[in-house]
N, C-alpha and C. Protein backbone atom coordinates (compact mmCIF):
# COMPACT_ATOMS: atom_id res chain seq x y z
N UNK A 1 0.77 -1.11 0.03
CA UNK A 1 -0.01 -0.13 -0.07
C UNK A 1 0.93 1.27 0.04
N UNK A 2 0.53 2.15 -0.96
CA UNK A 2 1.49 3.35 -0.99
C UNK A 2 0.77 4.33 0.11
N UNK A 3 1.62 5.20 0.53
CA UNK A 3 1.22 6.07 1.53
C UNK A 3 1.77 7.37 1.31
N UNK A 4 0.75 8.29 1.34
CA UNK A 4 1.11 10.00 1.01
C UNK A 4 0.93 10.55 2.39
N UNK A 5 1.45 11.78 2.63
CA UNK A 5 1.40 12.62 3.82
C UNK A 5 1.15 14.02 3.19
N UNK A 6 0.00 14.53 4.10
CA UNK A 6 -0.19 16.04 3.89
C UNK A 6 -0.47 16.53 5.27
N UNK A 7 -0.08 17.88 5.40
CA UNK A 7 -0.29 18.65 6.92
C UNK A 7 -1.28 19.52 6.57
N UNK A 8 -2.47 19.57 7.50
CA UNK A 8 -3.66 20.24 7.26
C UNK A 8 -3.78 21.16 8.72
N UNK A 9 -3.76 22.35 8.53
CA UNK A 9 -4.12 23.19 9.73
C UNK A 9 -5.33 23.91 9.52
N UNK A 10 -6.35 23.60 10.44
CA UNK A 10 -7.58 24.10 10.51
C UNK A 10 -8.38 24.46 11.79
N UNK A 11 -7.54 25.22 12.40
CA UNK A 11 -7.95 25.89 13.71
C UNK A 11 -7.74 24.90 14.75
N UNK A 12 -8.49 24.61 15.72
CA UNK A 12 -8.12 23.88 16.85
C UNK A 12 -7.92 22.43 16.31
N UNK A 13 -6.72 21.70 16.50
CA UNK A 13 -6.43 20.51 16.03
C UNK A 13 -7.17 19.36 16.59
N UNK A 14 -7.81 19.55 17.63
CA UNK A 14 -8.77 18.41 18.30
C UNK A 14 -9.71 17.95 17.39
N UNK A 15 -10.69 18.90 16.98
CA UNK A 15 -11.65 18.43 16.07
C UNK A 15 -11.32 18.18 14.57
N UNK A 16 -10.19 18.88 13.97
CA UNK A 16 -9.79 18.78 12.89
C UNK A 16 -9.12 17.24 12.81
N UNK A 17 -8.35 16.95 13.65
CA UNK A 17 -7.87 15.57 13.66
C UNK A 17 -8.84 14.52 13.73
N UNK A 18 -9.98 14.61 14.64
CA UNK A 18 -11.02 13.66 14.63
C UNK A 18 -11.67 13.65 13.25
N UNK A 19 -12.11 14.69 12.69
CA UNK A 19 -12.73 14.46 11.41
C UNK A 19 -12.04 13.91 10.37
N UNK A 20 -10.65 14.41 10.27
CA UNK A 20 -9.90 13.73 9.29
C UNK A 20 -9.66 12.20 9.60
N UNK A 21 -9.54 11.68 10.66
CA UNK A 21 -9.33 10.50 11.05
C UNK A 21 -10.32 9.59 10.71
N UNK A 22 -11.51 9.93 10.50
CA UNK A 22 -12.63 9.21 10.17
C UNK A 22 -12.97 9.02 8.67
N UNK A 23 -12.40 9.75 7.78
CA UNK A 23 -12.40 9.65 6.41
C UNK A 23 -11.71 8.31 5.73
N UNK A 24 -12.68 7.64 5.07
CA UNK A 24 -12.16 6.39 4.53
C UNK A 24 -10.80 6.75 3.56
N UNK A 25 -9.91 5.86 3.64
CA UNK A 25 -8.57 6.06 3.06
C UNK A 25 -7.57 6.87 3.80
N UNK A 26 -7.90 7.67 4.89
CA UNK A 26 -6.91 7.97 5.74
C UNK A 26 -6.59 7.00 6.65
N UNK A 27 -5.17 6.68 6.71
CA UNK A 27 -4.39 5.49 7.40
C UNK A 27 -4.20 6.09 8.96
N UNK A 28 -3.73 7.17 9.00
CA UNK A 28 -3.33 7.39 10.32
C UNK A 28 -3.25 9.04 10.42
N UNK A 29 -3.40 9.66 11.79
CA UNK A 29 -3.30 10.99 11.92
C UNK A 29 -2.54 11.38 13.13
N UNK A 30 -2.14 12.43 13.25
CA UNK A 30 -1.46 12.94 14.55
C UNK A 30 -1.59 14.40 14.65
N UNK A 31 -1.49 15.10 15.72
CA UNK A 31 -1.48 16.48 15.94
C UNK A 31 -0.20 17.09 16.50
N UNK A 32 0.06 18.21 15.86
CA UNK A 32 1.20 18.83 16.19
C UNK A 32 1.39 20.37 15.82
N UNK A 33 2.61 20.89 15.76
CA UNK A 33 2.90 22.33 15.59
C UNK A 33 3.60 22.40 14.31
N UNK A 34 3.40 23.28 13.46
CA UNK A 34 4.07 23.27 12.10
C UNK A 34 4.47 24.67 11.69
N UNK A 35 5.48 24.83 11.00
CA UNK A 35 5.92 25.77 10.42
C UNK A 35 6.06 27.15 11.34
N UNK A 36 6.59 26.97 12.45
CA UNK A 36 6.91 28.01 13.24
C UNK A 36 8.51 28.31 13.33
N UNK A 37 8.84 29.19 14.27
CA UNK A 37 10.25 29.61 14.30
C UNK A 37 10.96 29.01 15.47
N UNK A 38 10.20 28.36 16.33
CA UNK A 38 11.00 27.66 17.53
C UNK A 38 10.97 26.26 17.59
N UNK A 39 11.91 25.64 18.16
CA UNK A 39 12.09 24.13 18.14
C UNK A 39 11.47 23.47 19.21
N UNK A 40 10.56 22.31 18.82
CA UNK A 40 10.08 21.71 19.78
C UNK A 40 9.15 22.37 20.83
N UNK A 41 8.12 23.35 20.33
CA UNK A 41 7.53 23.98 21.26
C UNK A 41 6.55 23.17 22.21
N UNK A 42 6.17 23.87 23.25
CA UNK A 42 4.94 23.44 24.25
C UNK A 42 3.70 24.01 23.64
N UNK A 43 2.65 23.45 24.13
CA UNK A 43 1.19 24.02 23.77
C UNK A 43 1.22 25.39 24.48
N UNK A 44 1.79 25.60 25.74
CA UNK A 44 1.71 26.92 26.36
C UNK A 44 2.59 27.93 25.53
N UNK A 45 3.55 27.58 25.02
CA UNK A 45 4.32 28.54 24.12
C UNK A 45 3.77 28.78 22.92
N UNK A 46 3.11 27.82 22.14
CA UNK A 46 2.15 28.17 20.95
C UNK A 46 1.12 29.14 21.26
N UNK A 47 0.50 29.01 22.44
CA UNK A 47 -0.69 29.51 22.81
C UNK A 47 -0.35 31.22 23.13
N UNK A 48 0.95 31.48 23.31
CA UNK A 48 1.56 32.88 23.55
C UNK A 48 1.28 33.44 22.30
N UNK A 49 1.22 33.00 21.31
CA UNK A 49 1.05 33.65 19.91
C UNK A 49 2.25 34.13 19.38
N UNK A 50 3.49 33.69 19.76
CA UNK A 50 4.80 34.18 19.33
C UNK A 50 5.75 33.21 18.75
N UNK A 51 5.37 32.10 18.49
CA UNK A 51 6.22 30.89 18.08
C UNK A 51 6.11 30.73 16.57
N UNK A 52 4.95 31.18 15.98
CA UNK A 52 4.63 31.17 14.59
C UNK A 52 4.01 29.87 14.09
N UNK A 53 3.96 28.82 15.15
CA UNK A 53 3.41 27.51 14.80
C UNK A 53 1.93 27.58 14.61
N UNK A 54 1.54 26.77 13.62
CA UNK A 54 0.06 26.48 13.40
C UNK A 54 -0.37 25.17 14.00
N UNK A 55 -1.51 24.93 14.85
CA UNK A 55 -2.10 23.78 15.21
C UNK A 55 -2.30 22.85 13.93
N UNK A 56 -1.64 21.82 13.68
CA UNK A 56 -1.56 21.18 12.36
C UNK A 56 -1.86 19.71 12.66
N UNK A 57 -2.66 18.90 11.55
CA UNK A 57 -2.74 17.59 11.71
C UNK A 57 -2.00 17.06 10.54
N UNK A 58 -1.14 15.94 10.94
CA UNK A 58 -0.33 15.10 10.02
C UNK A 58 -1.30 14.15 9.45
N UNK A 59 -1.61 14.05 8.11
CA UNK A 59 -2.60 12.97 7.65
C UNK A 59 -1.68 12.20 6.73
N UNK A 60 -1.75 10.80 7.05
CA UNK A 60 -1.27 9.90 6.13
C UNK A 60 -2.47 9.18 5.62
N UNK A 61 -2.50 9.14 4.15
CA UNK A 61 -3.42 8.63 3.42
C UNK A 61 -2.97 7.71 2.24
N UNK A 62 -3.87 6.77 1.84
CA UNK A 62 -3.79 5.81 0.64
C UNK A 62 -4.28 6.38 -0.36
N UNK A 63 -3.46 6.81 -1.40
CA UNK A 63 -3.88 7.50 -2.71
C UNK A 63 -4.68 6.57 -3.57
N UNK A 64 -4.72 5.36 -3.25
CA UNK A 64 -5.43 4.39 -4.12
C UNK A 64 -6.85 4.46 -3.50
N UNK A 65 -7.22 4.95 -2.34
CA UNK A 65 -8.32 4.93 -1.87
C UNK A 65 -9.06 6.30 -1.64
N UNK A 66 -8.21 7.36 -1.67
CA UNK A 66 -8.55 8.75 -1.62
C UNK A 66 -7.52 9.67 -2.24
N UNK A 67 -7.74 10.44 -3.13
CA UNK A 67 -7.19 11.38 -3.89
C UNK A 67 -6.70 12.75 -2.95
N UNK A 68 -5.75 13.21 -3.15
CA UNK A 68 -5.51 14.57 -2.31
C UNK A 68 -6.53 15.51 -2.81
N UNK A 69 -7.03 15.79 -4.01
CA UNK A 69 -8.03 16.67 -4.30
C UNK A 69 -9.37 16.39 -3.65
N UNK A 70 -9.77 15.28 -3.42
CA UNK A 70 -10.85 14.95 -2.57
C UNK A 70 -10.63 15.16 -1.00
N UNK A 71 -9.64 14.77 -0.64
CA UNK A 71 -9.36 15.09 0.57
C UNK A 71 -9.27 16.44 1.19
N UNK A 72 -8.65 17.28 0.32
CA UNK A 72 -8.96 18.74 0.41
C UNK A 72 -10.09 19.25 0.41
N UNK A 73 -10.97 18.66 -0.43
CA UNK A 73 -12.24 19.18 -0.55
C UNK A 73 -13.07 18.94 0.72
N UNK A 74 -12.99 17.74 1.29
CA UNK A 74 -13.57 17.35 2.60
C UNK A 74 -12.80 18.24 3.63
N UNK A 75 -11.75 18.65 3.69
CA UNK A 75 -10.99 19.47 4.69
C UNK A 75 -11.76 20.85 4.58
N UNK A 76 -11.80 21.35 3.34
CA UNK A 76 -12.37 22.67 3.14
C UNK A 76 -13.92 22.77 3.73
N UNK A 77 -14.58 21.58 3.93
CA UNK A 77 -15.97 21.53 4.40
C UNK A 77 -16.10 21.84 5.81
N UNK A 78 -14.93 21.88 6.66
CA UNK A 78 -14.93 22.07 8.06
C UNK A 78 -14.22 23.25 8.68
N UNK A 79 -13.82 24.01 7.68
CA UNK A 79 -13.11 25.27 7.93
C UNK A 79 -13.97 26.57 7.32
N UNK A 80 -13.63 27.80 7.77
CA UNK A 80 -13.89 28.98 7.11
C UNK A 80 -12.81 29.42 6.41
N UNK A 81 -12.71 29.17 5.13
CA UNK A 81 -11.32 29.49 4.31
C UNK A 81 -11.02 31.00 4.20
N UNK A 82 -11.90 31.84 4.63
CA UNK A 82 -11.76 33.37 4.50
C UNK A 82 -11.57 34.00 5.81
N UNK A 83 -11.58 33.18 6.88
CA UNK A 83 -11.20 33.74 8.21
C UNK A 83 -9.75 33.45 8.64
N UNK A 84 -9.08 34.57 8.81
CA UNK A 84 -7.77 34.87 9.03
C UNK A 84 -7.51 34.75 10.66
N UNK A 85 -6.72 33.75 10.98
CA UNK A 85 -6.27 33.38 12.20
C UNK A 85 -7.37 33.12 13.28
N UNK A 86 -8.43 32.61 12.86
CA UNK A 86 -9.71 32.19 13.73
C UNK A 86 -10.43 31.19 12.93
N UNK A 87 -10.72 30.22 13.73
CA UNK A 87 -11.71 29.10 13.49
C UNK A 87 -12.67 28.73 14.57
N UNK A 88 -14.01 28.93 14.29
CA UNK A 88 -14.88 28.84 15.42
C UNK A 88 -14.73 29.69 16.54
N UNK A 89 -14.58 29.55 17.71
CA UNK A 89 -14.36 30.30 18.78
C UNK A 89 -12.77 30.62 19.06
N UNK A 90 -12.02 29.94 18.33
CA UNK A 90 -10.57 30.14 18.67
C UNK A 90 -9.78 31.13 17.81
N UNK A 91 -9.10 32.11 18.37
CA UNK A 91 -8.47 33.26 17.53
C UNK A 91 -6.94 33.24 18.08
N UNK A 92 -6.10 33.61 17.10
CA UNK A 92 -4.74 33.56 17.17
C UNK A 92 -4.18 33.03 15.99
N UNK A 93 -2.80 33.38 15.62
CA UNK A 93 -2.01 32.76 14.60
C UNK A 93 -1.93 31.19 14.66
N UNK A 94 -2.05 30.53 15.85
CA UNK A 94 -1.96 29.29 15.72
C UNK A 94 -3.22 28.70 15.41
N UNK A 95 -4.23 29.30 15.11
CA UNK A 95 -5.43 28.58 14.63
C UNK A 95 -5.72 29.06 13.08
N UNK A 96 -4.67 29.40 12.48
CA UNK A 96 -4.72 29.75 10.92
C UNK A 96 -4.95 28.66 10.16
N UNK A 97 -5.58 28.74 9.07
CA UNK A 97 -5.74 27.48 8.07
C UNK A 97 -4.36 27.41 7.22
N UNK A 98 -4.01 26.31 6.95
CA UNK A 98 -3.01 26.11 6.12
C UNK A 98 -3.04 24.57 5.53
N UNK A 99 -2.30 24.42 4.59
CA UNK A 99 -1.96 23.32 3.60
C UNK A 99 -0.54 23.26 3.41
N UNK A 100 0.12 22.22 4.23
CA UNK A 100 1.58 22.28 4.00
C UNK A 100 2.05 20.84 3.38
N UNK A 101 2.86 21.04 2.44
CA UNK A 101 3.13 19.84 1.77
C UNK A 101 4.52 19.38 1.84
N UNK A 102 4.95 18.09 1.61
CA UNK A 102 6.16 17.65 1.58
C UNK A 102 6.63 17.23 0.14
N UNK A 103 5.68 16.94 -0.55
CA UNK A 103 5.89 16.30 -1.90
C UNK A 103 5.59 17.55 -3.00
N UNK A 104 6.52 18.16 -3.54
CA UNK A 104 6.39 19.22 -4.47
C UNK A 104 5.55 19.29 -5.39
N UNK A 105 4.96 18.07 -6.03
CA UNK A 105 4.22 17.71 -7.04
C UNK A 105 2.85 17.91 -6.38
N UNK A 106 2.59 18.00 -5.07
CA UNK A 106 1.15 18.19 -4.48
C UNK A 106 0.91 19.78 -4.69
N UNK A 107 1.83 20.64 -4.85
CA UNK A 107 1.52 22.08 -4.79
C UNK A 107 0.52 22.49 -5.79
N UNK A 108 0.83 21.83 -7.06
CA UNK A 108 -0.11 22.28 -8.25
C UNK A 108 -1.59 21.83 -7.85
N UNK A 109 -1.76 20.66 -7.27
CA UNK A 109 -3.04 20.05 -6.85
C UNK A 109 -3.67 20.95 -5.90
N UNK A 110 -2.74 21.32 -4.80
CA UNK A 110 -3.35 22.21 -3.82
C UNK A 110 -3.85 23.76 -4.24
N UNK A 111 -3.01 24.23 -5.24
CA UNK A 111 -3.32 25.59 -5.74
C UNK A 111 -4.68 25.52 -6.66
N UNK A 112 -4.66 24.52 -7.32
CA UNK A 112 -5.83 24.36 -8.26
C UNK A 112 -7.05 24.27 -7.18
N UNK A 113 -7.12 23.40 -6.26
CA UNK A 113 -8.23 23.30 -5.26
C UNK A 113 -8.58 24.64 -4.47
N UNK A 114 -7.69 25.24 -4.24
CA UNK A 114 -7.87 26.85 -3.69
C UNK A 114 -8.55 27.72 -4.79
N UNK A 115 -7.88 27.63 -6.08
CA UNK A 115 -8.82 28.49 -7.23
C UNK A 115 -10.16 27.89 -7.10
N UNK A 116 -10.56 26.64 -7.30
CA UNK A 116 -11.69 26.25 -7.26
C UNK A 116 -12.63 26.65 -6.06
N UNK A 117 -12.06 26.42 -4.98
CA UNK A 117 -12.60 27.08 -3.74
C UNK A 117 -13.01 28.41 -3.87
N UNK A 118 -12.14 29.21 -4.27
CA UNK A 118 -12.32 30.76 -4.35
C UNK A 118 -13.51 31.04 -5.12
N UNK A 119 -14.02 30.08 -5.99
CA UNK A 119 -15.04 30.42 -6.87
C UNK A 119 -16.24 30.56 -6.32
N UNK A 120 -16.24 29.88 -4.95
CA UNK A 120 -17.45 29.82 -4.29
C UNK A 120 -17.64 30.77 -3.09
N UNK A 121 -16.56 31.74 -3.13
CA UNK A 121 -16.66 32.90 -1.98
C UNK A 121 -16.29 34.28 -2.65
N UNK A 122 -17.00 35.04 -2.00
CA UNK A 122 -16.48 36.48 -2.38
C UNK A 122 -15.53 37.11 -1.69
N UNK A 123 -15.16 36.65 -0.45
CA UNK A 123 -14.06 37.25 0.20
C UNK A 123 -12.86 36.23 -0.14
N UNK A 124 -11.72 36.92 -0.06
CA UNK A 124 -10.48 36.03 -0.46
C UNK A 124 -10.24 34.84 0.38
N UNK A 125 -9.78 33.85 -0.14
CA UNK A 125 -9.42 32.72 0.61
C UNK A 125 -8.11 33.01 1.21
N UNK A 126 -7.89 32.67 2.59
CA UNK A 126 -6.77 33.13 3.32
C UNK A 126 -5.94 31.71 3.75
N UNK A 127 -6.22 30.54 3.20
CA UNK A 127 -5.46 29.33 3.60
C UNK A 127 -4.13 29.51 3.12
N UNK A 128 -3.10 29.33 4.11
CA UNK A 128 -1.61 29.24 3.55
C UNK A 128 -1.53 28.02 2.88
N UNK A 129 -0.45 28.13 1.62
CA UNK A 129 -0.14 27.03 0.99
C UNK A 129 1.48 27.08 0.96
N UNK A 130 2.10 26.20 1.72
CA UNK A 130 3.48 26.23 1.74
C UNK A 130 4.16 24.87 1.98
N UNK A 131 5.40 24.72 1.63
CA UNK A 131 5.96 23.55 1.81
C UNK A 131 6.25 23.46 3.64
N UNK A 132 6.17 22.16 3.84
CA UNK A 132 6.33 21.98 5.18
C UNK A 132 7.91 22.33 5.74
N UNK A 133 7.94 23.39 6.68
CA UNK A 133 9.18 23.69 7.00
C UNK A 133 9.63 22.89 8.28
N UNK A 134 8.61 22.55 9.22
CA UNK A 134 8.94 21.99 10.58
C UNK A 134 7.61 21.38 10.99
N UNK A 135 7.63 20.26 11.74
CA UNK A 135 6.47 19.91 12.32
C UNK A 135 6.92 19.18 13.83
N UNK A 136 6.27 19.29 14.77
CA UNK A 136 6.68 18.88 16.16
C UNK A 136 5.36 18.40 16.60
N UNK A 137 5.37 17.07 17.06
CA UNK A 137 4.39 16.35 17.64
C UNK A 137 3.82 17.21 18.94
N UNK A 138 2.44 17.32 19.08
CA UNK A 138 2.06 17.72 20.28
C UNK A 138 2.12 16.92 21.56
N UNK A 139 1.93 17.26 22.63
CA UNK A 139 1.94 16.73 23.81
C UNK A 139 0.95 15.32 23.65
N UNK A 140 1.19 14.29 24.37
CA UNK A 140 0.45 13.20 24.35
C UNK A 140 -1.01 13.37 24.65
N UNK A 141 -1.35 14.20 25.51
CA UNK A 141 -2.83 14.70 25.76
C UNK A 141 -3.56 15.31 24.78
N UNK A 142 -2.96 15.65 23.95
CA UNK A 142 -3.70 16.40 22.70
C UNK A 142 -3.92 15.20 21.74
N UNK A 143 -3.24 14.12 21.56
CA UNK A 143 -3.21 13.21 20.60
C UNK A 143 -4.71 12.37 20.78
N UNK A 144 -5.47 12.36 19.57
CA UNK A 144 -6.94 11.60 19.79
C UNK A 144 -7.57 12.26 20.85
N UNK A 145 -7.59 13.51 21.09
CA UNK A 145 -8.14 14.24 22.40
C UNK A 145 -9.55 13.87 22.36
N UNK A 146 -10.29 14.09 21.22
CA UNK A 146 -11.83 13.92 21.26
C UNK A 146 -12.20 12.56 21.50
N UNK A 147 -11.24 11.63 21.30
CA UNK A 147 -11.64 10.13 21.64
C UNK A 147 -11.49 10.10 23.17
N UNK A 148 -10.59 10.75 23.80
CA UNK A 148 -10.48 10.57 25.02
C UNK A 148 -11.22 11.46 26.00
N UNK A 149 -11.70 12.26 25.34
CA UNK A 149 -12.59 13.46 25.95
C UNK A 149 -13.85 13.51 25.23
N UNK A 150 -14.69 12.78 25.24
CA UNK A 150 -15.97 12.78 24.46
C UNK A 150 -16.60 14.15 24.67
N UNK A 151 -16.68 14.68 25.65
CA UNK A 151 -17.49 16.13 25.63
C UNK A 151 -16.57 17.37 25.32
N UNK A 152 -15.45 17.07 24.80
CA UNK A 152 -14.38 17.99 24.76
C UNK A 152 -14.63 18.95 23.69
N UNK A 153 -14.28 20.27 23.71
CA UNK A 153 -14.56 21.44 22.66
C UNK A 153 -14.23 21.04 21.28
N UNK A 154 -15.07 21.46 20.47
CA UNK A 154 -14.71 21.12 18.95
C UNK A 154 -15.61 22.21 18.14
N UNK A 155 -15.08 22.80 17.42
CA UNK A 155 -15.71 23.75 16.52
C UNK A 155 -16.39 23.16 15.34
N UNK A 156 -16.17 21.96 15.05
CA UNK A 156 -16.86 21.14 13.97
C UNK A 156 -18.11 20.34 14.48
N UNK A 157 -19.33 20.59 13.68
CA UNK A 157 -20.45 19.94 14.27
C UNK A 157 -20.61 18.25 14.03
N UNK A 158 -21.34 17.60 14.75
CA UNK A 158 -21.47 16.14 14.67
C UNK A 158 -21.65 15.65 13.10
N UNK A 159 -22.67 16.64 12.66
CA UNK A 159 -22.90 16.01 11.17
C UNK A 159 -21.83 15.96 10.35
N UNK A 160 -20.69 16.88 10.48
CA UNK A 160 -19.70 16.56 9.91
C UNK A 160 -18.76 15.45 10.06
N UNK A 161 -18.81 15.02 11.39
CA UNK A 161 -18.17 13.67 11.55
C UNK A 161 -18.99 12.40 10.86
N UNK A 162 -20.30 12.54 10.96
CA UNK A 162 -20.99 11.54 10.36
C UNK A 162 -20.70 11.47 8.67
N UNK A 163 -20.73 12.71 8.02
CA UNK A 163 -20.31 12.92 6.72
C UNK A 163 -18.95 12.22 6.48
N UNK A 164 -18.07 12.63 7.22
CA UNK A 164 -16.66 12.08 7.13
C UNK A 164 -16.52 10.59 6.89
N UNK A 165 -17.26 9.85 7.83
CA UNK A 165 -17.56 8.47 7.93
C UNK A 165 -17.93 7.89 6.71
N UNK A 166 -18.87 8.63 5.99
CA UNK A 166 -19.58 8.18 4.89
C UNK A 166 -18.81 8.72 3.54
N UNK A 167 -17.76 9.42 3.46
CA UNK A 167 -17.02 10.04 2.46
C UNK A 167 -16.53 9.07 1.58
N UNK A 168 -16.75 8.96 0.17
CA UNK A 168 -16.16 8.13 -0.65
C UNK A 168 -15.78 8.91 -1.86
N UNK A 169 -14.46 8.74 -2.18
CA UNK A 169 -13.85 9.75 -3.36
C UNK A 169 -14.59 9.31 -4.48
N UNK A 170 -15.53 9.98 -5.34
CA UNK A 170 -16.32 9.61 -6.30
C UNK A 170 -15.41 9.09 -7.78
N UNK A 171 -14.19 9.59 -7.83
CA UNK A 171 -13.35 9.30 -8.97
C UNK A 171 -12.87 7.91 -8.79
N UNK A 172 -12.42 7.51 -7.31
CA UNK A 172 -11.92 6.08 -7.16
C UNK A 172 -13.12 5.20 -6.78
N UNK A 173 -14.27 5.59 -6.68
CA UNK A 173 -15.52 4.85 -6.21
C UNK A 173 -16.82 5.01 -6.91
N UNK A 174 -16.70 5.07 -8.23
CA UNK A 174 -17.73 5.40 -9.22
C UNK A 174 -18.98 4.76 -8.95
N UNK A 175 -18.98 3.66 -8.43
CA UNK A 175 -20.28 2.84 -8.31
C UNK A 175 -20.90 3.28 -7.06
N UNK A 176 -20.19 3.79 -6.27
CA UNK A 176 -20.72 4.56 -4.78
C UNK A 176 -21.50 5.97 -5.06
N UNK A 177 -21.10 6.47 -6.26
CA UNK A 177 -21.48 8.07 -6.34
C UNK A 177 -23.07 8.00 -6.71
């Protein structure tokens, strides 16, 4: 099985991780801090809004089961792509939205998806598109947080979690469409 990796920042990483982990074709997820200026920051340091890190989900997926284009489309369904440094009730640069890639060939796919997304919005899309500069795993208590804390805060509605479980890439699963 081939494995590809993409890093997605969508506000608070607890709900974003839970949502992405439910999508068929996603093999594993974890949460951490990406593209900041400090080395191995703590959650407390990131929350001080001076490290430059974004709360980010590392997504490992099987491209035979889900294409990056479709994964991004699902990701865009749970963020406000026009909101700068804010998602839901969370505000600060660590809550910015971003797509960080390690495979340079993914950049074309990402930029095309943002262009298509922009056609649905009047306000400009503010999702960062950058190569991954660094990624540090968040503390253990943040990993799979909503599985461990069923009543934990999440800016993503339950309906989106249900939709994630049922999502099937229409190109790779044409009979299911």
